[in-house]
Amino acid sequence: MDDRIAKAAGRQVWTPSDFTDLGGRDAVDKALQRRLAQGVLRRIDRGLYDKPKLN
């Protein structure tokens, strides 16, 4: 998951289903929550995430 996020070009938006090949839905949701808490991802809306732009 971290590799995909780091290599993302531009303002890519992800949904949990983009990562279900890496694990079950519960595991993906927990991993997304961890990245939100770390500031790696930002929640745009329910089920939509992007990488925050750093100024």
C-alpha atoms as a PDB file:
ATOM      1  CA  MET A   1       0.000   0.000   0.000  1.00  0.00           C
ATOM      2  CA  ASP A   2       2.758   2.442   0.911  1.00  0.00           C
ATOM      3  CA  ASP A   3       4.544   1.825  -2.404  1.00  0.00           C
ATOM      4  CA  ARG A   4       1.394   2.546  -4.390  1.00  0.00           C
ATOM      5  CA  ILE A   5       0.751   5.738  -2.476  1.00  0.00           C
ATOM      6  CA  ALA A   6       4.353   6.926  -2.789  1.00  0.00           C
ATOM      7  CA  LYS A   7       4.496   6.231  -6.535  1.00  0.00           C
ATOM      8  CA  ALA A   8       1.158   7.893  -7.279  1.00  0.00           C
ATOM      9  CA  ALA A   9       1.303  10.640  -9.862  1.00  0.00           C
ATOM     10  CA  GLY A  10      -0.613  13.857  -9.424  1.00  0.00           C
ATOM     11  CA  ARG A  11      -3.806  13.977  -7.436  1.00  0.00           C
ATOM     12  CA  GLN A  12      -4.802  10.319  -7.518  1.00  0.00           C
ATOM     13  CA  VAL A  13      -7.871   9.265  -5.539  1.00  0.00           C
ATOM     14  CA  TRP A  14      -8.163   5.810  -3.963  1.00  0.00           C
ATOM     15  CA  THR A  15     -11.003   3.735  -2.608  1.00  0.00           C
ATOM     16  CA  PRO A  16     -10.616   0.756  -0.270  1.00  0.00           C
ATOM     17  CA  SER A  17     -11.354  -1.579  -3.182  1.00  0.00           C
ATOM     18  CA  ASP A  18      -8.121  -0.395  -4.833  1.00  0.00           C
ATOM     19  CA  PHE A  19      -6.187  -2.255  -2.119  1.00  0.00           C
ATOM     20  CA  THR A  20      -8.270  -5.406  -1.572  1.00  0.00           C
ATOM     21  CA  ASP A  21      -5.726  -7.478  -3.498  1.00  0.00           C
ATOM     22  CA  LEU A  22      -3.381  -6.840  -0.543  1.00  0.00           C
ATOM     23  CA  GLY A  23      -5.719  -8.225   2.128  1.00  0.00           C
ATOM     24  CA  GLY A  24      -9.262  -8.479   3.389  1.00  0.00           C
ATOM     25  CA  ARG A  25     -11.549  -5.481   3.593  1.00  0.00           C
ATOM     26  CA  ASP A  26     -11.152  -5.130   7.379  1.00  0.00           C
ATOM     27  CA  ALA A  27      -7.359  -5.137   7.084  1.00  0.00           C
ATOM     28  CA  VAL A  28      -7.468  -2.573   4.272  1.00  0.00           C
ATOM     29  CA  ASP A  29      -9.788  -0.297   6.268  1.00  0.00           C
ATOM     30  CA  LYS A  30      -7.480  -0.501   9.296  1.00  0.00           C
ATOM     31  CA  ALA A  31      -4.409   0.235   7.161  1.00  0.00           C
ATOM     32  CA  LEU A  32      -6.151   3.263   5.627  1.00  0.00           C
ATOM     33  CA  GLN A  33      -7.056   4.518   9.110  1.00  0.00           C
ATOM     34  CA  ARG A  34      -3.403   4.235  10.159  1.00  0.00           C
ATOM     35  CA  ARG A  35      -2.285   6.243   7.130  1.00  0.00           C
ATOM     36  CA  LEU A  36      -4.905   8.890   7.918  1.00  0.00           C
ATOM     37  CA  ALA A  37      -3.580   9.184  11.473  1.00  0.00           C
ATOM     38  CA  GLN A  38       0.005   9.477  10.163  1.00  0.00           C
ATOM     39  CA  GLY A  39      -0.974  12.190   7.689  1.00  0.00           C
ATOM     40  CA  VAL A  40       0.038  10.053   4.707  1.00  0.00           C
ATOM     41  CA  LEU A  41      -3.524  10.104   3.359  1.00  0.00           C
ATOM     42  CA  ARG A  42      -6.446  12.494   3.615  1.00  0.00           C
ATOM     43  CA  ARG A  43     -10.108  11.515   3.567  1.00  0.00           C
ATOM     44  CA  ILE A  44     -11.924  13.463   0.874  1.00  0.00           C
ATOM     45  CA  ASP A  45     -15.307  11.874   1.507  1.00  0.00           C
ATOM     46  CA  ARG A  46     -16.615   8.568   2.751  1.00  0.00           C
ATOM     47  CA  GLY A  47     -14.499   5.897   1.046  1.00  0.00           C
ATOM     48  CA  LEU A  48     -12.375   8.374  -0.944  1.00  0.00           C
ATOM     49  CA  TYR A  49      -8.753   9.113  -0.073  1.00  0.00           C
ATOM     50  CA  ASP A  50      -5.920  11.111  -1.583  1.00  0.00           C
ATOM     51  CA  LYS A  51      -2.398  12.139  -0.722  1.00  0.00           C
ATOM     52  CA  PRO A  52      -2.417  15.573   0.930  1.00  0.00           C
ATOM     53  CA  LYS A  53      -0.492  18.307  -0.832  1.00  0.00           C
ATOM     54  CA  LEU A  54       2.287  19.655   1.365  1.00  0.00           C
ATOM     55  CA  ASN A  55       3.088  23.346   1.224  1.00  0.00           C
END
